[in-house]
Amino acid sequence: MQSKATTIKAYLAELPQERREAIQEVRDVILKNLPKGYEEVIQYGAIGYVVPHSVYPPGYHCDPNQPLPFVGLASQKNHMAVYLMCIYNDPAHETWFREAWAKTGKKLDMGKSCVRFKKLEDVPLKVIGQVIKRVPVKKFIENYEAAIDPANRARTPRKSAKKTAAKSADERRSKPAKRKK
């Protein structure tokens, strides 16, 4: 659930105590390991760590008014989450992360970049710190630009099947029916 808070302090203040403490501990680890050049902000209704426009003027390709997201930290309805955009476009870094997490013996609940957890004890904080520390701003920007540059993509994304099916249905409706003779 997106917060309406405009400051980190306000974001933390609106959380229930147990979640506030867990989010604050993860935040402390992130801040301790955050390479130079990133900034902590409120972005998309959560705590974000970004490449500011002063460092990367184009911003986020999905919304150039937003700075480039690096890591997010949020309290959602049914869980808390760390969004690791720093591994999203770097398969080797993602593999390292998954292996480091597995070595801790803790269960990893992860999507493409979202690591979900219910309580702080579920998170190996040292691994979170290391995954962030390993990606300086310059490397992150290089990986990001390679991922969004169509010349570097293995294939061009196709339209979703749902959109294609909807378009086909619209086309069928707009064409006059052929008469049988």
C-alpha atoms as a PDB file:
ATOM      1  CA  MET A   1       0.000   0.000   0.000  1.00  0.00           C
ATOM      2  CA  GLN A   2       1.387   3.334  -1.025  1.00  0.00           C
ATOM      3  CA  SER A   3       1.944   5.888   1.667  1.00  0.00           C
ATOM      4  CA  LYS A   4       1.044   9.538   1.244  1.00  0.00           C
ATOM      5  CA  ALA A   5       4.030  10.532   3.407  1.00  0.00           C
ATOM      6  CA  THR A   6       6.425  13.047   1.884  1.00  0.00           C
ATOM      7  CA  THR A   7       9.357  12.479   4.246  1.00  0.00           C
ATOM      8  CA  ILE A   8      11.161   9.413   5.575  1.00  0.00           C
ATOM      9  CA  LYS A   9      10.317  10.465   9.133  1.00  0.00           C
ATOM     10  CA  ALA A  10       6.602  10.714   8.296  1.00  0.00           C
ATOM     11  CA  TYR A  11       6.692   7.365   6.461  1.00  0.00           C
ATOM     12  CA  LEU A  12       8.207   5.601   9.455  1.00  0.00           C
ATOM     13  CA  ALA A  13       5.880   7.352  11.911  1.00  0.00           C
ATOM     14  CA  GLU A  14       2.761   5.994  10.214  1.00  0.00           C
ATOM     15  CA  LEU A  15       3.897   2.346  10.497  1.00  0.00           C
ATOM     16  CA  PRO A  16       2.895   0.038  13.355  1.00  0.00           C
ATOM     17  CA  GLN A  17       5.752  -0.227  15.880  1.00  0.00           C
ATOM     18  CA  GLU A  18       6.873  -3.751  14.909  1.00  0.00           C
ATOM     19  CA  ARG A  19       7.042  -2.855  11.224  1.00  0.00           C
ATOM     20  CA  ARG A  20       8.648   0.514  11.941  1.00  0.00           C
ATOM     21  CA  GLU A  21      11.432  -1.210  13.873  1.00  0.00           C
ATOM     22  CA  ALA A  22      11.986  -3.817  11.115  1.00  0.00           C
ATOM     23  CA  ILE A  23      11.962  -1.233   8.311  1.00  0.00           C
ATOM     24  CA  GLN A  24      14.311   1.021  10.329  1.00  0.00           C
ATOM     25  CA  GLU A  25      16.815  -1.829  10.836  1.00  0.00           C
ATOM     26  CA  VAL A  26      16.836  -2.689   7.137  1.00  0.00           C
ATOM     27  CA  ARG A  27      17.106   1.029   6.355  1.00  0.00           C
ATOM     28  CA  ASP A  28      20.117   1.348   8.655  1.00  0.00           C
ATOM     29  CA  VAL A  29      21.848  -1.515   6.820  1.00  0.00           C
ATOM     30  CA  ILE A  30      21.066   0.047   3.445  1.00  0.00           C
ATOM     31  CA  LEU A  31      22.376   3.465   4.512  1.00  0.00           C
ATOM     32  CA  LYS A  32      25.526   1.946   6.014  1.00  0.00           C
ATOM     33  CA  ASN A  33      26.316   0.126   2.746  1.00  0.00           C
ATOM     34  CA  LEU A  34      24.950   2.562   0.157  1.00  0.00           C
ATOM     35  CA  PRO A  35      27.700   3.559  -2.286  1.00  0.00           C
ATOM     36  CA  LYS A  36      28.435   7.238  -2.846  1.00  0.00           C
ATOM     37  CA  GLY A  37      26.172   8.969  -5.366  1.00  0.00           C
ATOM     38  CA  TYR A  38      22.806   7.490  -4.402  1.00  0.00           C
ATOM     39  CA  GLU A  39      20.192   9.451  -2.425  1.00  0.00           C
ATOM     40  CA  GLU A  40      17.460   8.411  -0.016  1.00  0.00           C
ATOM     41  CA  VAL A  41      14.022   9.764  -0.984  1.00  0.00           C
ATOM     42  CA  ILE A  42      10.332   8.992  -0.845  1.00  0.00           C
ATOM     43  CA  GLN A  43       9.473   7.468  -4.226  1.00  0.00           C
ATOM     44  CA  TYR A  44       6.304   5.677  -5.287  1.00  0.00           C
ATOM     45  CA  GLY A  45       4.898   5.914  -1.751  1.00  0.00           C
ATOM     46  CA  ALA A  46       7.852   4.153  -0.121  1.00  0.00           C
ATOM     47  CA  ILE A  47      11.443   4.742   0.937  1.00  0.00           C
ATOM     48  CA  GLY A  48      13.650   4.783  -2.135  1.00  0.00           C
ATOM     49  CA  TYR A  49      17.334   4.911  -2.903  1.00  0.00           C
ATOM     50  CA  VAL A  50      17.887   6.523  -6.265  1.00  0.00           C
ATOM     51  CA  VAL A  51      20.400   7.881  -8.738  1.00  0.00           C
ATOM     52  CA  PRO A  52      19.438  11.575  -8.577  1.00  0.00           C
ATOM     53  CA  HIS A  53      18.876  13.658 -11.706  1.00  0.00           C
ATOM     54  CA  SER A  54      22.055  15.590 -10.858  1.00  0.00           C
ATOM     55  CA  VAL A  55      24.003  12.368 -11.509  1.00  0.00           C
ATOM     56  CA  TYR A  56      21.756  10.834 -14.200  1.00  0.00           C
ATOM     57  CA  PRO A  57      19.679  13.591 -15.873  1.00  0.00           C
ATOM     58  CA  PRO A  58      17.537  11.304 -18.092  1.00  0.00           C
ATOM     59  CA  GLY A  59      15.897   9.796 -15.003  1.00  0.00           C
ATOM     60  CA  TYR A  60      13.814   6.631 -15.035  1.00  0.00           C
ATOM     61  CA  HIS A  61      12.744   5.678 -18.577  1.00  0.00           C
ATOM     62  CA  CYS A  62       9.211   4.774 -17.398  1.00  0.00           C
ATOM     63  CA  ASP A  63       8.824   8.263 -15.921  1.00  0.00           C
ATOM     64  CA  PRO A  64      11.716  10.644 -16.703  1.00  0.00           C
ATOM     65  CA  ASN A  65      10.472  13.032 -13.996  1.00  0.00           C
ATOM     66  CA  GLN A  66      11.491  10.379 -11.450  1.00  0.00           C
ATOM     67  CA  PRO A  67      15.118   9.739 -10.537  1.00  0.00           C
ATOM     68  CA  LEU A  68      16.448   6.296 -11.472  1.00  0.00           C
ATOM     69  CA  PRO A  69      15.376   3.759  -8.767  1.00  0.00           C
ATOM     70  CA  PHE A  70      18.148   1.617  -7.258  1.00  0.00           C
ATOM     71  CA  VAL A  71      16.543   0.074  -4.145  1.00  0.00           C
ATOM     72  CA  GLY A  72      13.131   0.460  -2.532  1.00  0.00           C
ATOM     73  CA  LEU A  73      11.999  -0.352   1.004  1.00  0.00           C
ATOM     74  CA  ALA A  74       8.315  -0.624   1.824  1.00  0.00           C
ATOM     75  CA  SER A  75       5.695  -1.860   4.221  1.00  0.00           C
ATOM     76  CA  GLN A  76       2.976  -3.472   2.116  1.00  0.00           C
ATOM     77  CA  LYS A  77      -0.409  -4.805   3.207  1.00  0.00           C
ATOM     78  CA  ASN A  78       0.687  -8.411   3.847  1.00  0.00           C
ATOM     79  CA  HIS A  79       4.468  -8.121   4.038  1.00  0.00           C
ATOM     80  CA  MET A  80       7.465  -5.820   3.996  1.00  0.00           C
ATOM     81  CA  ALA A  81       9.710  -5.676   0.951  1.00  0.00           C
ATOM     82  CA  VAL A  82      13.107  -4.665  -0.332  1.00  0.00           C
ATOM     83  CA  TYR A  83      13.037  -3.932  -4.063  1.00  0.00           C
ATOM     84  CA  LEU A  84      16.512  -4.655  -5.438  1.00  0.00           C
ATOM     85  CA  MET A  85      16.590  -3.014  -8.849  1.00  0.00           C
ATOM     86  CA  CYS A  86      20.349  -3.432  -8.563  1.00  0.00           C
ATOM     87  CA  ILE A  87      19.957  -7.148  -9.408  1.00  0.00           C
ATOM     88  CA  TYR A  88      17.090  -6.829 -11.885  1.00  0.00           C
ATOM     89  CA  ASN A  89      19.311  -6.293 -14.950  1.00  0.00           C
ATOM     90  CA  ASP A  90      22.401  -8.140 -13.769  1.00  0.00           C
ATOM     91  CA  PRO A  91      22.053 -11.950 -13.874  1.00  0.00           C
ATOM     92  CA  ALA A  92      25.489 -12.545 -12.345  1.00  0.00           C
ATOM     93  CA  HIS A  93      24.692 -10.243  -9.423  1.00  0.00           C
ATOM     94  CA  GLU A  94      21.294 -11.916  -8.968  1.00  0.00           C
ATOM     95  CA  THR A  95      22.964 -15.347  -8.890  1.00  0.00           C
ATOM     96  CA  TRP A  96      25.447 -14.102  -6.305  1.00  0.00           C
ATOM     97  CA  PHE A  97      22.578 -12.726  -4.203  1.00  0.00           C
ATOM     98  CA  ARG A  98      20.508 -15.916  -4.338  1.00  0.00           C
ATOM     99  CA  GLU A  99      23.527 -18.047  -3.417  1.00  0.00           C
ATOM    100  CA  ALA A 100      24.553 -15.738  -0.553  1.00  0.00           C
ATOM    101  CA  TRP A 101      20.998 -15.788   0.803  1.00  0.00           C
ATOM    102  CA  ALA A 102      20.801 -19.606   0.523  1.00  0.00           C
ATOM    103  CA  LYS A 103      24.018 -19.959   2.548  1.00  0.00           C
ATOM    104  CA  THR A 104      22.268 -18.266   5.478  1.00  0.00           C
ATOM    105  CA  GLY A 105      19.655 -21.038   5.636  1.00  0.00           C
ATOM    106  CA  LYS A 106      16.813 -18.520   5.498  1.00  0.00           C
ATOM    107  CA  LYS A 107      13.946 -18.955   3.039  1.00  0.00           C
ATOM    108  CA  LEU A 108      14.009 -16.488   0.143  1.00  0.00           C
ATOM    109  CA  ASP A 109      10.607 -15.157  -0.989  1.00  0.00           C
ATOM    110  CA  MET A 110      11.529 -13.224  -4.118  1.00  0.00           C
ATOM    111  CA  GLY A 111      10.047 -12.075  -7.400  1.00  0.00           C
ATOM    112  CA  LYS A 112      12.221 -10.552 -10.134  1.00  0.00           C
ATOM    113  CA  SER A 113      13.590  -7.889  -7.798  1.00  0.00           C
ATOM    114  CA  CYS A 114      11.187  -7.841  -4.834  1.00  0.00           C
ATOM    115  CA  VAL A 115      12.318  -9.615  -1.661  1.00  0.00           C
ATOM    116  CA  ARG A 116       9.322 -10.086   0.632  1.00  0.00           C
ATOM    117  CA  PHE A 117       9.510 -10.725   4.371  1.00  0.00           C
ATOM    118  CA  LYS A 118       7.079 -10.846   7.294  1.00  0.00           C
ATOM    119  CA  LYS A 119       9.531 -10.227  10.136  1.00  0.00           C
ATOM    120  CA  LEU A 120      13.072  -8.967  10.499  1.00  0.00           C
ATOM    121  CA  GLU A 121      14.369 -12.392  11.545  1.00  0.00           C
ATOM    122  CA  ASP A 122      13.550 -13.614   8.001  1.00  0.00           C
ATOM    123  CA  VAL A 123      16.171 -11.289   6.500  1.00  0.00           C
ATOM    124  CA  PRO A 124      19.932 -11.875   6.476  1.00  0.00           C
ATOM    125  CA  LEU A 125      20.856  -8.214   6.925  1.00  0.00           C
ATOM    126  CA  LYS A 126      24.504  -8.811   6.042  1.00  0.00           C
ATOM    127  CA  VAL A 127      23.486 -10.129   2.602  1.00  0.00           C
ATOM    128  CA  ILE A 128      21.234  -7.100   2.028  1.00  0.00           C
ATOM    129  CA  GLY A 129      24.146  -4.829   2.873  1.00  0.00           C
ATOM    130  CA  GLN A 130      26.524  -6.708   0.596  1.00  0.00           C
ATOM    131  CA  VAL A 131      24.173  -6.786  -2.407  1.00  0.00           C
ATOM    132  CA  ILE A 132      23.844  -3.008  -2.198  1.00  0.00           C
ATOM    133  CA  LYS A 133      27.506  -2.289  -1.509  1.00  0.00           C
ATOM    134  CA  ARG A 134      28.565  -4.272  -4.595  1.00  0.00           C
ATOM    135  CA  VAL A 135      26.908  -1.853  -7.063  1.00  0.00           C
ATOM    136  CA  PRO A 136      28.492   1.580  -7.437  1.00  0.00           C
ATOM    137  CA  VAL A 137      26.441   4.208  -9.283  1.00  0.00           C
ATOM    138  CA  LYS A 138      28.515   4.006 -12.475  1.00  0.00           C
ATOM    139  CA  LYS A 139      28.045   0.220 -12.743  1.00  0.00           C
ATOM    140  CA  PHE A 140      24.317   0.492 -12.033  1.00  0.00           C
ATOM    141  CA  ILE A 141      23.837   3.119 -14.758  1.00  0.00           C
ATOM    142  CA  GLU A 142      25.810   1.004 -17.259  1.00  0.00           C
ATOM    143  CA  ASN A 143      23.658  -2.069 -16.528  1.00  0.00           C
ATOM    144  CA  TYR A 144      20.478  -0.011 -16.689  1.00  0.00           C
ATOM    145  CA  GLU A 145      21.357   1.625 -20.016  1.00  0.00           C
ATOM    146  CA  ALA A 146      22.324  -1.733 -21.540  1.00  0.00           C
ATOM    147  CA  ALA A 147      18.956  -3.136 -20.468  1.00  0.00           C
ATOM    148  CA  ILE A 148      16.860  -0.326 -21.951  1.00  0.00           C
ATOM    149  CA  ASP A 149      18.858   0.086 -25.190  1.00  0.00           C
ATOM    150  CA  PRO A 150      16.978  -1.866 -27.879  1.00  0.00           C
ATOM    151  CA  ALA A 151      20.252  -2.589 -29.692  1.00  0.00           C
ATOM    152  CA  ASN A 152      21.381  -4.554 -26.630  1.00  0.00           C
ATOM    153  CA  ARG A 153      18.197  -6.588 -26.231  1.00  0.00           C
ATOM    154  CA  ALA A 154      18.158 -10.187 -27.401  1.00  0.00           C
ATOM    155  CA  ARG A 155      14.677  -9.675 -28.836  1.00  0.00           C
ATOM    156  CA  THR A 156      12.127  -6.915 -29.061  1.00  0.00           C
ATOM    157  CA  PRO A 157       9.294  -7.345 -26.554  1.00  0.00           C
ATOM    158  CA  ARG A 158       6.080  -8.458 -28.197  1.00  0.00           C
ATOM    159  CA  LYS A 159       2.643  -7.073 -27.500  1.00  0.00           C
ATOM    160  CA  SER A 160       0.864  -8.985 -24.818  1.00  0.00           C
ATOM    161  CA  ALA A 161      -1.447 -11.732 -26.008  1.00  0.00           C
ATOM    162  CA  LYS A 162      -4.345  -9.966 -24.288  1.00  0.00           C
ATOM    163  CA  LYS A 163      -3.797  -6.743 -26.278  1.00  0.00           C
ATOM    164  CA  THR A 164      -3.332  -8.658 -29.524  1.00  0.00           C
ATOM    165  CA  ALA A 165      -6.533 -10.639 -28.939  1.00  0.00           C
ATOM    166  CA  ALA A 166      -8.462  -7.464 -28.106  1.00  0.00           C
ATOM    167  CA  LYS A 167      -7.151  -5.740 -31.226  1.00  0.00           C
ATOM    168  CA  SER A 168      -8.127  -8.724 -33.392  1.00  0.00           C
ATOM    169  CA  ALA A 169     -11.642  -8.712 -31.932  1.00  0.00           C
ATOM    170  CA  ASP A 170     -11.945  -4.975 -32.629  1.00  0.00           C
ATOM    171  CA  GLU A 171     -10.754  -5.464 -36.198  1.00  0.00           C
ATOM    172  CA  ARG A 172     -13.307  -8.251 -36.748  1.00  0.00           C
ATOM    173  CA  ARG A 173     -16.085  -6.011 -35.490  1.00  0.00           C
ATOM    174  CA  SER A 174     -15.069  -3.066 -37.653  1.00  0.00           C
ATOM    175  CA  LYS A 175     -14.850  -5.044 -40.909  1.00  0.00           C
ATOM    176  CA  PRO A 176     -18.102  -5.601 -42.739  1.00  0.00           C
ATOM    177  CA  ALA A 177     -19.171  -9.205 -42.756  1.00  0.00           C
ATOM    178  CA  LYS A 178     -18.790 -11.022 -46.053  1.00  0.00           C
ATOM    179  CA  ARG A 179     -22.022 -12.213 -47.565  1.00  0.00           C
ATOM    180  CA  LYS A 180     -22.372 -15.751 -48.646  1.00  0.00           C
ATOM    181  CA  LYS A 181     -23.438 -16.095 -52.232  1.00  0.00           C
END
